[in-house]
Amino acid sequence: MVAVDGSTPTRAPVRPAGGLAPTLAVLEYHLVNSRRTWRSSAVSSFVLPLLTMVGFGLGVGAYVTQGVGGVDYLDFLVPGLIASTALQVAVGESTWPVLSNFNWIRTYFAQAAAPLRVADIVGGHLAFVAFRVLTSSAVFLLVATVFGALHSVWALATLPLVVLIGLAMATPVFAYAAWVPTDSYLAILFRFAVIPMTLFAGVFFPVDSLPVGLRWAAYVSPLWHGVDLCRAATLGVAPQWSVAGHLLYLGAWVVGGWLLARAAFRRRLVI
């Protein structure tokens, strides 16, 4: 198009809409993209807690005749499994999917050209991760109810708690997945962070039984704080540490991880 004076006008830069609309648009993309795979994840989300509770809670629990801390081993185990499920789902959705959106299918670059802000891209994908964590944990909670492992109405509080646990892990893992060059580094993350955290953060046995060094390593991990809160909610007792302290610690992981993720995404998406 040529103006009257013969010059070519410059198109005004397109800016993304304000508010939450761009973030919700990114969330909608991930939800629509998951329509063809949700059935397989739904089956695994039901079968995994069922087999875990039968194998560990009833199988191993049959040998722990005196229980743990005055409660049956199954009742002790279930809240830890709910928290660790939230962690594993969050990490699983924040590793290869994030790296593939950068390196292979390059969806993030298309979204950045839409245009969307980096905060919209990160926030929308994190919202989808939170949705996956919530739905998977809700199924686990339902199975635990059938097994009679919940002893307080406060067990419903585990649903917002698992979202907080999931975001506390997903945000720094987003940053890590955006930073690493190949998926070999993701296997290292699972081997040296996720698996040890699951084993030594109070999911299967009390942290107090660990040596002092490992005990403090468990206290540093966000999973232990989530396990303590979930266990207090499902049993209807006070947590080992303060509720406010747990929430503030997990919130600090979310905020710090968000800042790291946004910076890592900006480094790769903004020229």
C-alpha atoms as a PDB file:
ATOM      1  CA  MET A   1       0.000   0.000   0.000  1.00  0.00           C
ATOM      2  CA  VAL A   2       1.429   3.405  -1.028  1.00  0.00           C
ATOM      3  CA  ALA A   3       0.517   6.681   0.639  1.00  0.00           C
ATOM      4  CA  VAL A   4      -0.527   9.820  -1.247  1.00  0.00           C
ATOM      5  CA  ASP A   5       2.968  11.281  -1.010  1.00  0.00           C
ATOM      6  CA  GLY A   6       4.455   8.133  -2.541  1.00  0.00           C
ATOM      7  CA  SER A   7       5.968   6.775   0.673  1.00  0.00           C
ATOM      8  CA  THR A   8       5.268   3.326   2.101  1.00  0.00           C
ATOM      9  CA  PRO A   9       3.621   3.569   5.527  1.00  0.00           C
ATOM     10  CA  THR A  10       5.082   1.587   8.376  1.00  0.00           C
ATOM     11  CA  ARG A  11       2.708  -0.789  10.111  1.00  0.00           C
ATOM     12  CA  ALA A  12       2.297  -0.078  13.794  1.00  0.00           C
ATOM     13  CA  PRO A  13       3.768  -2.822  15.960  1.00  0.00           C
ATOM     14  CA  VAL A  14       1.215  -5.327  17.167  1.00  0.00           C
ATOM     15  CA  ARG A  15       1.090  -5.641  20.922  1.00  0.00           C
ATOM     16  CA  PRO A  16      -0.421  -8.527  22.828  1.00  0.00           C
ATOM     17  CA  ALA A  17      -3.625  -7.924  24.720  1.00  0.00           C
ATOM     18  CA  GLY A  18      -3.293  -7.012  28.346  1.00  0.00           C
ATOM     19  CA  GLY A  19      -4.502  -8.908  31.380  1.00  0.00           C
ATOM     20  CA  LEU A  20      -4.751 -12.678  31.545  1.00  0.00           C
ATOM     21  CA  ALA A  21      -6.151 -13.181  28.044  1.00  0.00           C
ATOM     22  CA  PRO A  22      -2.784 -14.058  26.393  1.00  0.00           C
ATOM     23  CA  THR A  23      -1.864 -16.447  29.223  1.00  0.00           C
ATOM     24  CA  LEU A  24      -5.262 -18.141  28.987  1.00  0.00           C
ATOM     25  CA  ALA A  25      -4.805 -18.440  25.217  1.00  0.00           C
ATOM     26  CA  VAL A  26      -1.533 -20.332  25.782  1.00  0.00           C
ATOM     27  CA  LEU A  27      -3.269 -22.533  28.366  1.00  0.00           C
ATOM     28  CA  GLU A  28      -6.036 -23.236  25.848  1.00  0.00           C
ATOM     29  CA  TYR A  29      -3.441 -24.294  23.280  1.00  0.00           C
ATOM     30  CA  HIS A  30      -1.956 -26.866  25.655  1.00  0.00           C
ATOM     31  CA  LEU A  31      -5.397 -28.132  26.681  1.00  0.00           C
ATOM     32  CA  VAL A  32      -6.473 -28.564  23.061  1.00  0.00           C
ATOM     33  CA  ASN A  33      -3.159 -30.210  22.271  1.00  0.00           C
ATOM     34  CA  SER A  34      -3.738 -32.775  25.027  1.00  0.00           C
ATOM     35  CA  ARG A  35      -7.177 -33.875  23.809  1.00  0.00           C
ATOM     36  CA  ARG A  36      -5.728 -36.831  21.921  1.00  0.00           C
ATOM     37  CA  THR A  37      -3.548 -38.093  24.780  1.00  0.00           C
ATOM     38  CA  TRP A  38      -5.641 -37.522  27.897  1.00  0.00           C
ATOM     39  CA  ARG A  39      -7.115 -41.038  27.860  1.00  0.00           C
ATOM     40  CA  SER A  40      -3.747 -42.728  28.270  1.00  0.00           C
ATOM     41  CA  SER A  41      -2.721 -40.337  31.024  1.00  0.00           C
ATOM     42  CA  ALA A  42      -6.077 -40.823  32.754  1.00  0.00           C
ATOM     43  CA  VAL A  43      -5.594 -44.596  32.829  1.00  0.00           C
ATOM     44  CA  SER A  44      -2.062 -44.287  34.196  1.00  0.00           C
ATOM     45  CA  SER A  45      -3.204 -41.715  36.744  1.00  0.00           C
ATOM     46  CA  PHE A  46      -5.675 -44.269  38.128  1.00  0.00           C
ATOM     47  CA  VAL A  47      -3.626 -47.469  37.792  1.00  0.00           C
ATOM     48  CA  LEU A  48      -0.413 -46.058  39.276  1.00  0.00           C
ATOM     49  CA  PRO A  49      -1.855 -45.004  42.657  1.00  0.00           C
ATOM     50  CA  LEU A  50      -3.882 -48.207  42.823  1.00  0.00           C
ATOM     51  CA  LEU A  51      -0.849 -50.441  42.288  1.00  0.00           C
ATOM     52  CA  THR A  52       1.332 -48.305  44.540  1.00  0.00           C
ATOM     53  CA  MET A  53      -1.105 -48.459  47.430  1.00  0.00           C
ATOM     54  CA  VAL A  54      -1.629 -52.188  47.030  1.00  0.00           C
ATOM     55  CA  GLY A  55       2.102 -52.894  46.697  1.00  0.00           C
ATOM     56  CA  PHE A  56       3.522 -50.558  49.329  1.00  0.00           C
ATOM     57  CA  GLY A  57       0.593 -49.756  51.561  1.00  0.00           C
ATOM     58  CA  LEU A  58      -0.844 -53.251  51.880  1.00  0.00           C
ATOM     59  CA  GLY A  59       2.121 -55.396  50.836  1.00  0.00           C
ATOM     60  CA  VAL A  60       4.969 -53.715  52.712  1.00  0.00           C
ATOM     61  CA  GLY A  61       2.541 -52.395  55.311  1.00  0.00           C
ATOM     62  CA  ALA A  62       1.678 -55.954  56.313  1.00  0.00           C
ATOM     63  CA  TYR A  63       5.224 -56.277  57.695  1.00  0.00           C
ATOM     64  CA  VAL A  64       5.093 -52.939  59.538  1.00  0.00           C
ATOM     65  CA  THR A  65       2.748 -54.310  62.160  1.00  0.00           C
ATOM     66  CA  GLN A  66       3.131 -51.452  64.662  1.00  0.00           C
ATOM     67  CA  GLY A  67       2.635 -48.742  62.070  1.00  0.00           C
ATOM     68  CA  VAL A  68       4.617 -45.499  61.900  1.00  0.00           C
ATOM     69  CA  GLY A  69       4.163 -42.743  64.441  1.00  0.00           C
ATOM     70  CA  GLY A  70       1.102 -44.387  65.901  1.00  0.00           C
ATOM     71  CA  VAL A  71      -0.786 -44.749  62.559  1.00  0.00           C
ATOM     72  CA  ASP A  72      -1.087 -47.597  60.079  1.00  0.00           C
ATOM     73  CA  TYR A  73       1.628 -47.666  57.450  1.00  0.00           C
ATOM     74  CA  LEU A  74      -0.911 -47.191  54.638  1.00  0.00           C
ATOM     75  CA  ASP A  75      -2.268 -44.060  56.326  1.00  0.00           C
ATOM     76  CA  PHE A  76       1.294 -42.789  56.778  1.00  0.00           C
ATOM     77  CA  LEU A  77       2.240 -43.570  53.187  1.00  0.00           C
ATOM     78  CA  VAL A  78      -0.728 -42.143  51.260  1.00  0.00           C
ATOM     79  CA  PRO A  79      -0.110 -38.398  51.859  1.00  0.00           C
ATOM     80  CA  GLY A  80       3.534 -38.843  50.936  1.00  0.00           C
ATOM     81  CA  LEU A  81       2.531 -40.564  47.711  1.00  0.00           C
ATOM     82  CA  ILE A  82       0.084 -37.765  46.901  1.00  0.00           C
ATOM     83  CA  ALA A  83       2.834 -35.165  47.310  1.00  0.00           C
ATOM     84  CA  SER A  84       5.416 -37.204  45.391  1.00  0.00           C
ATOM     85  CA  THR A  85       2.907 -37.814  42.582  1.00  0.00           C
ATOM     86  CA  ALA A  86       2.458 -34.055  42.286  1.00  0.00           C
ATOM     87  CA  LEU A  87       6.227 -33.652  42.090  1.00  0.00           C
ATOM     88  CA  GLN A  88       6.706 -36.361  39.465  1.00  0.00           C
ATOM     89  CA  VAL A  89       3.861 -35.141  37.259  1.00  0.00           C
ATOM     90  CA  ALA A  90       5.148 -31.571  37.495  1.00  0.00           C
ATOM     91  CA  VAL A  91       8.704 -32.549  36.605  1.00  0.00           C
ATOM     92  CA  GLY A  92       7.533 -34.851  33.809  1.00  0.00           C
ATOM     93  CA  GLU A  93       5.485 -32.055  32.236  1.00  0.00           C
ATOM     94  CA  SER A  94       8.319 -29.539  32.665  1.00  0.00           C
ATOM     95  CA  THR A  95      11.250 -31.395  31.129  1.00  0.00           C
ATOM     96  CA  TRP A  96      10.872 -33.011  27.689  1.00  0.00           C
ATOM     97  CA  PRO A  97       7.748 -30.982  26.739  1.00  0.00           C
ATOM     98  CA  VAL A  98       9.597 -27.723  27.443  1.00  0.00           C
ATOM     99  CA  LEU A  99      12.781 -28.809  25.687  1.00  0.00           C
ATOM    100  CA  SER A 100      10.835 -30.059  22.668  1.00  0.00           C
ATOM    101  CA  ASN A 101       9.024 -26.741  22.365  1.00  0.00           C
ATOM    102  CA  PHE A 102      12.442 -25.126  22.028  1.00  0.00           C
ATOM    103  CA  ASN A 103      14.514 -27.644  20.075  1.00  0.00           C
ATOM    104  CA  TRP A 104      12.212 -29.874  18.037  1.00  0.00           C
ATOM    105  CA  ILE A 105       8.679 -28.629  17.417  1.00  0.00           C
ATOM    106  CA  ARG A 106       9.678 -25.032  18.301  1.00  0.00           C
ATOM    107  CA  THR A 107       6.221 -24.026  19.473  1.00  0.00           C
ATOM    108  CA  TYR A 108       7.576 -21.347  21.788  1.00  0.00           C
ATOM    109  CA  PHE A 109       9.122 -19.475  18.862  1.00  0.00           C
ATOM    110  CA  ALA A 110       5.804 -19.496  17.020  1.00  0.00           C
ATOM    111  CA  GLN A 111       4.043 -18.214  20.129  1.00  0.00           C
ATOM    112  CA  ALA A 112       6.640 -15.473  20.571  1.00  0.00           C
ATOM    113  CA  ALA A 113       5.983 -14.391  16.988  1.00  0.00           C
ATOM    114  CA  ALA A 114       2.208 -14.275  17.592  1.00  0.00           C
ATOM    115  CA  PRO A 115       3.192 -12.023  19.426  1.00  0.00           C
ATOM    116  CA  LEU A 116       3.009 -13.109  23.060  1.00  0.00           C
ATOM    117  CA  ARG A 117       5.090 -11.931  25.950  1.00  0.00           C
ATOM    118  CA  VAL A 118       7.545 -14.321  27.553  1.00  0.00           C
ATOM    119  CA  ALA A 119       5.497 -14.137  30.741  1.00  0.00           C
ATOM    120  CA  ASP A 120       2.400 -15.242  28.789  1.00  0.00           C
ATOM    121  CA  ILE A 121       4.189 -18.225  27.275  1.00  0.00           C
ATOM    122  CA  VAL A 122       5.662 -19.368  30.583  1.00  0.00           C
ATOM    123  CA  GLY A 123       2.527 -18.626  32.577  1.00  0.00           C
ATOM    124  CA  GLY A 124       0.192 -20.427  30.196  1.00  0.00           C
ATOM    125  CA  HIS A 125       2.327 -23.554  30.101  1.00  0.00           C
ATOM    126  CA  LEU A 126       2.740 -23.526  33.888  1.00  0.00           C
ATOM    127  CA  ALA A 127      -1.029 -23.245  34.236  1.00  0.00           C
ATOM    128  CA  PHE A 128      -1.363 -26.419  32.170  1.00  0.00           C
ATOM    129  CA  VAL A 129       1.201 -28.163  34.386  1.00  0.00           C
ATOM    130  CA  ALA A 130      -0.809 -27.097  37.442  1.00  0.00           C
ATOM    131  CA  PHE A 131      -3.948 -28.522  35.801  1.00  0.00           C
ATOM    132  CA  ARG A 132      -2.211 -31.858  35.172  1.00  0.00           C
ATOM    133  CA  VAL A 133      -0.924 -31.988  38.747  1.00  0.00           C
ATOM    134  CA  LEU A 134      -4.359 -31.194  40.160  1.00  0.00           C
ATOM    135  CA  THR A 135      -6.221 -33.811  38.115  1.00  0.00           C
ATOM    136  CA  SER A 136      -3.656 -36.563  38.764  1.00  0.00           C
ATOM    137  CA  SER A 137      -3.601 -35.848  42.496  1.00  0.00           C
ATOM    138  CA  ALA A 138      -7.410 -35.710  42.646  1.00  0.00           C
ATOM    139  CA  VAL A 139      -7.564 -39.247  41.237  1.00  0.00           C
ATOM    140  CA  PHE A 140      -4.975 -40.369  43.804  1.00  0.00           C
ATOM    141  CA  LEU A 141      -7.050 -38.772  46.557  1.00  0.00           C
ATOM    142  CA  LEU A 142     -10.151 -40.581  45.320  1.00  0.00           C
ATOM    143  CA  VAL A 143      -8.372 -43.949  45.352  1.00  0.00           C
ATOM    144  CA  ALA A 144      -7.065 -43.220  48.859  1.00  0.00           C
ATOM    145  CA  THR A 145     -10.621 -42.515  49.988  1.00  0.00           C
ATOM    146  CA  VAL A 146     -11.737 -45.924  48.709  1.00  0.00           C
ATOM    147  CA  PHE A 147      -8.916 -47.539  50.718  1.00  0.00           C
ATOM    148  CA  GLY A 148     -10.029 -45.660  53.851  1.00  0.00           C
ATOM    149  CA  ALA A 149      -6.673 -43.927  54.216  1.00  0.00           C
ATOM    150  CA  LEU A 150      -8.064 -40.417  54.834  1.00  0.00           C
ATOM    151  CA  HIS A 151      -9.052 -39.474  58.369  1.00  0.00           C
ATOM    152  CA  SER A 152      -9.981 -35.806  58.201  1.00  0.00           C
ATOM    153  CA  VAL A 153     -12.028 -33.445  56.075  1.00  0.00           C
ATOM    154  CA  TRP A 154      -8.833 -31.413  55.880  1.00  0.00           C
ATOM    155  CA  ALA A 155      -7.712 -33.976  53.301  1.00  0.00           C
ATOM    156  CA  LEU A 156      -9.424 -31.742  50.719  1.00  0.00           C
ATOM    157  CA  ALA A 157      -6.746 -29.145  51.500  1.00  0.00           C
ATOM    158  CA  THR A 158      -4.240 -31.407  49.755  1.00  0.00           C
ATOM    159  CA  LEU A 159      -5.664 -30.306  46.384  1.00  0.00           C
ATOM    160  CA  PRO A 160      -4.426 -26.690  46.576  1.00  0.00           C
ATOM    161  CA  LEU A 161      -1.305 -27.980  48.328  1.00  0.00           C
ATOM    162  CA  VAL A 162      -0.349 -30.267  45.443  1.00  0.00           C
ATOM    163  CA  VAL A 163      -0.695 -27.358  43.025  1.00  0.00           C
ATOM    164  CA  LEU A 164       1.743 -25.380  45.165  1.00  0.00           C
ATOM    165  CA  ILE A 165       4.110 -28.360  45.357  1.00  0.00           C
ATOM    166  CA  GLY A 166       3.900 -28.856  41.601  1.00  0.00           C
ATOM    167  CA  LEU A 167       4.640 -25.217  40.825  1.00  0.00           C
ATOM    168  CA  ALA A 168       7.503 -25.179  43.353  1.00  0.00           C
ATOM    169  CA  MET A 169       9.145 -27.909  41.263  1.00  0.00           C
ATOM    170  CA  ALA A 170       7.920 -26.952  37.788  1.00  0.00           C
ATOM    171  CA  THR A 171       9.162 -23.366  37.772  1.00  0.00           C
ATOM    172  CA  PRO A 172      12.875 -24.103  38.372  1.00  0.00           C
ATOM    173  CA  VAL A 173      12.674 -27.161  36.099  1.00  0.00           C
ATOM    174  CA  PHE A 174      11.241 -24.932  33.349  1.00  0.00           C
ATOM    175  CA  ALA A 175      14.360 -22.796  33.703  1.00  0.00           C
ATOM    176  CA  TYR A 176      16.611 -25.858  33.652  1.00  0.00           C
ATOM    177  CA  ALA A 177      14.919 -27.372  30.581  1.00  0.00           C
ATOM    178  CA  ALA A 178      15.174 -24.044  28.750  1.00  0.00           C
ATOM    179  CA  TRP A 179      18.874 -23.830  29.563  1.00  0.00           C
ATOM    180  CA  VAL A 180      20.158 -27.340  28.726  1.00  0.00           C
ATOM    181  CA  PRO A 181      21.220 -28.069  25.131  1.00  0.00           C
ATOM    182  CA  THR A 182      20.116 -31.734  24.910  1.00  0.00           C
ATOM    183  CA  ASP A 183      17.763 -34.121  26.668  1.00  0.00           C
ATOM    184  CA  SER A 184      20.699 -36.009  28.203  1.00  0.00           C
ATOM    185  CA  TYR A 185      20.729 -33.392  30.934  1.00  0.00           C
ATOM    186  CA  LEU A 186      17.100 -34.181  31.769  1.00  0.00           C
ATOM    187  CA  ALA A 187      18.025 -37.761  32.674  1.00  0.00           C
ATOM    188  CA  ILE A 188      20.658 -36.331  35.019  1.00  0.00           C
ATOM    189  CA  LEU A 189      17.969 -34.253  36.704  1.00  0.00           C
ATOM    190  CA  PHE A 190      15.841 -37.324  37.381  1.00  0.00           C
ATOM    191  CA  ARG A 191      18.789 -39.427  38.522  1.00  0.00           C
ATOM    192  CA  PHE A 192      20.401 -36.959  40.911  1.00  0.00           C
ATOM    193  CA  ALA A 193      17.458 -34.806  42.050  1.00  0.00           C
ATOM    194  CA  VAL A 194      14.001 -36.300  41.545  1.00  0.00           C
ATOM    195  CA  ILE A 195      14.703 -39.904  42.595  1.00  0.00           C
ATOM    196  CA  PRO A 196      16.783 -39.033  45.713  1.00  0.00           C
ATOM    197  CA  MET A 197      14.196 -36.437  46.700  1.00  0.00           C
ATOM    198  CA  THR A 198      11.417 -39.021  46.409  1.00  0.00           C
ATOM    199  CA  LEU A 199      13.334 -41.583  48.454  1.00  0.00           C
ATOM    200  CA  PHE A 200      14.616 -39.366  51.276  1.00  0.00           C
ATOM    201  CA  ALA A 201      11.969 -36.655  51.768  1.00  0.00           C
ATOM    202  CA  GLY A 202       9.715 -38.531  54.156  1.00  0.00           C
ATOM    203  CA  VAL A 203       7.460 -40.253  51.635  1.00  0.00           C
ATOM    204  CA  PHE A 204       8.155 -43.853  52.711  1.00  0.00           C
ATOM    205  CA  PHE A 205       9.592 -43.412  56.210  1.00  0.00           C
ATOM    206  CA  PRO A 206      10.069 -40.603  58.758  1.00  0.00           C
ATOM    207  CA  VAL A 207      12.881 -38.190  58.017  1.00  0.00           C
ATOM    208  CA  ASP A 208      13.901 -38.344  61.688  1.00  0.00           C
ATOM    209  CA  SER A 209      15.303 -41.828  61.094  1.00  0.00           C
ATOM    210  CA  LEU A 210      17.919 -40.492  58.657  1.00  0.00           C
ATOM    211  CA  PRO A 211      21.460 -39.411  59.580  1.00  0.00           C
ATOM    212  CA  VAL A 212      21.785 -35.715  60.335  1.00  0.00           C
ATOM    213  CA  GLY A 213      23.305 -34.794  56.967  1.00  0.00           C
ATOM    214  CA  LEU A 214      20.629 -36.528  54.918  1.00  0.00           C
ATOM    215  CA  ARG A 215      17.969 -35.199  57.266  1.00  0.00           C
ATOM    216  CA  TRP A 216      18.942 -31.605  56.544  1.00  0.00           C
ATOM    217  CA  ALA A 217      19.101 -32.364  52.825  1.00  0.00           C
ATOM    218  CA  ALA A 218      15.503 -33.570  53.112  1.00  0.00           C
ATOM    219  CA  TYR A 219      14.492 -30.404  54.943  1.00  0.00           C
ATOM    220  CA  VAL A 220      15.935 -28.289  52.121  1.00  0.00           C
ATOM    221  CA  SER A 221      13.931 -30.112  49.453  1.00  0.00           C
ATOM    222  CA  PRO A 222      10.470 -28.707  48.691  1.00  0.00           C
ATOM    223  CA  LEU A 223       8.998 -32.214  48.691  1.00  0.00           C
ATOM    224  CA  TRP A 224       9.470 -32.716  52.437  1.00  0.00           C
ATOM    225  CA  HIS A 225       7.521 -29.539  53.154  1.00  0.00           C
ATOM    226  CA  GLY A 226       4.730 -30.741  50.875  1.00  0.00           C
ATOM    227  CA  VAL A 227       4.723 -34.216  52.440  1.00  0.00           C
ATOM    228  CA  ASP A 228       4.515 -32.788  55.948  1.00  0.00           C
ATOM    229  CA  LEU A 229       1.582 -30.561  55.004  1.00  0.00           C
ATOM    230  CA  CYS A 230      -0.285 -33.320  53.144  1.00  0.00           C
ATOM    231  CA  ARG A 231       0.267 -35.799  55.978  1.00  0.00           C
ATOM    232  CA  ALA A 232      -1.051 -33.320  58.518  1.00  0.00           C
ATOM    233  CA  ALA A 233      -4.113 -32.696  56.344  1.00  0.00           C
ATOM    234  CA  THR A 234      -5.013 -36.340  55.699  1.00  0.00           C
ATOM    235  CA  LEU A 235      -4.444 -37.412  59.323  1.00  0.00           C
ATOM    236  CA  GLY A 236      -5.986 -34.300  60.870  1.00  0.00           C
ATOM    237  CA  VAL A 237      -2.924 -33.517  63.002  1.00  0.00           C
ATOM    238  CA  ALA A 238      -0.473 -30.639  63.285  1.00  0.00           C
ATOM    239  CA  PRO A 239       2.554 -30.724  60.938  1.00  0.00           C
ATOM    240  CA  GLN A 240       6.088 -31.154  62.276  1.00  0.00           C
ATOM    241  CA  TRP A 241       6.899 -27.611  61.168  1.00  0.00           C
ATOM    242  CA  SER A 242       4.646 -24.551  61.082  1.00  0.00           C
ATOM    243  CA  VAL A 243       2.039 -24.322  58.333  1.00  0.00           C
ATOM    244  CA  ALA A 244       3.043 -20.746  57.536  1.00  0.00           C
ATOM    245  CA  GLY A 245       6.694 -21.741  57.341  1.00  0.00           C
ATOM    246  CA  HIS A 246       5.937 -24.558  54.904  1.00  0.00           C
ATOM    247  CA  LEU A 247       3.802 -22.336  52.695  1.00  0.00           C
ATOM    248  CA  LEU A 248       6.342 -19.512  52.676  1.00  0.00           C
ATOM    249  CA  TYR A 249       9.150 -21.901  51.795  1.00  0.00           C
ATOM    250  CA  LEU A 250       7.218 -23.457  48.912  1.00  0.00           C
ATOM    251  CA  GLY A 251       6.129 -19.987  47.790  1.00  0.00           C
ATOM    252  CA  ALA A 252       9.769 -18.890  47.728  1.00  0.00           C
ATOM    253  CA  TRP A 253      10.561 -21.799  45.397  1.00  0.00           C
ATOM    254  CA  VAL A 254       7.705 -20.750  43.110  1.00  0.00           C
ATOM    255  CA  VAL A 255       8.784 -17.103  42.977  1.00  0.00           C
ATOM    256  CA  GLY A 256      12.476 -17.900  42.538  1.00  0.00           C
ATOM    257  CA  GLY A 257      11.743 -20.533  39.907  1.00  0.00           C
ATOM    258  CA  TRP A 258       9.419 -18.166  38.051  1.00  0.00           C
ATOM    259  CA  LEU A 259      12.115 -15.506  37.832  1.00  0.00           C
ATOM    260  CA  LEU A 260      14.674 -18.047  36.611  1.00  0.00           C
ATOM    261  CA  ALA A 261      12.254 -19.538  34.064  1.00  0.00           C
ATOM    262  CA  ARG A 262      11.280 -16.150  32.678  1.00  0.00           C
ATOM    263  CA  ALA A 263      14.931 -15.151  32.338  1.00  0.00           C
ATOM    264  CA  ALA A 264      15.847 -18.457  30.638  1.00  0.00           C
ATOM    265  CA  PHE A 265      12.920 -18.209  28.208  1.00  0.00           C
ATOM    266  CA  ARG A 266      13.741 -14.582  27.450  1.00  0.00           C
ATOM    267  CA  ARG A 267      17.350 -15.478  26.669  1.00  0.00           C
ATOM    268  CA  ARG A 268      16.203 -17.954  24.008  1.00  0.00           C
ATOM    269  CA  LEU A 269      13.123 -16.215  22.606  1.00  0.00           C
ATOM    270  CA  VAL A 270      14.011 -12.528  22.598  1.00  0.00           C
ATOM    271  CA  ILE A 271      16.647 -11.396  20.157  1.00  0.00           C
END
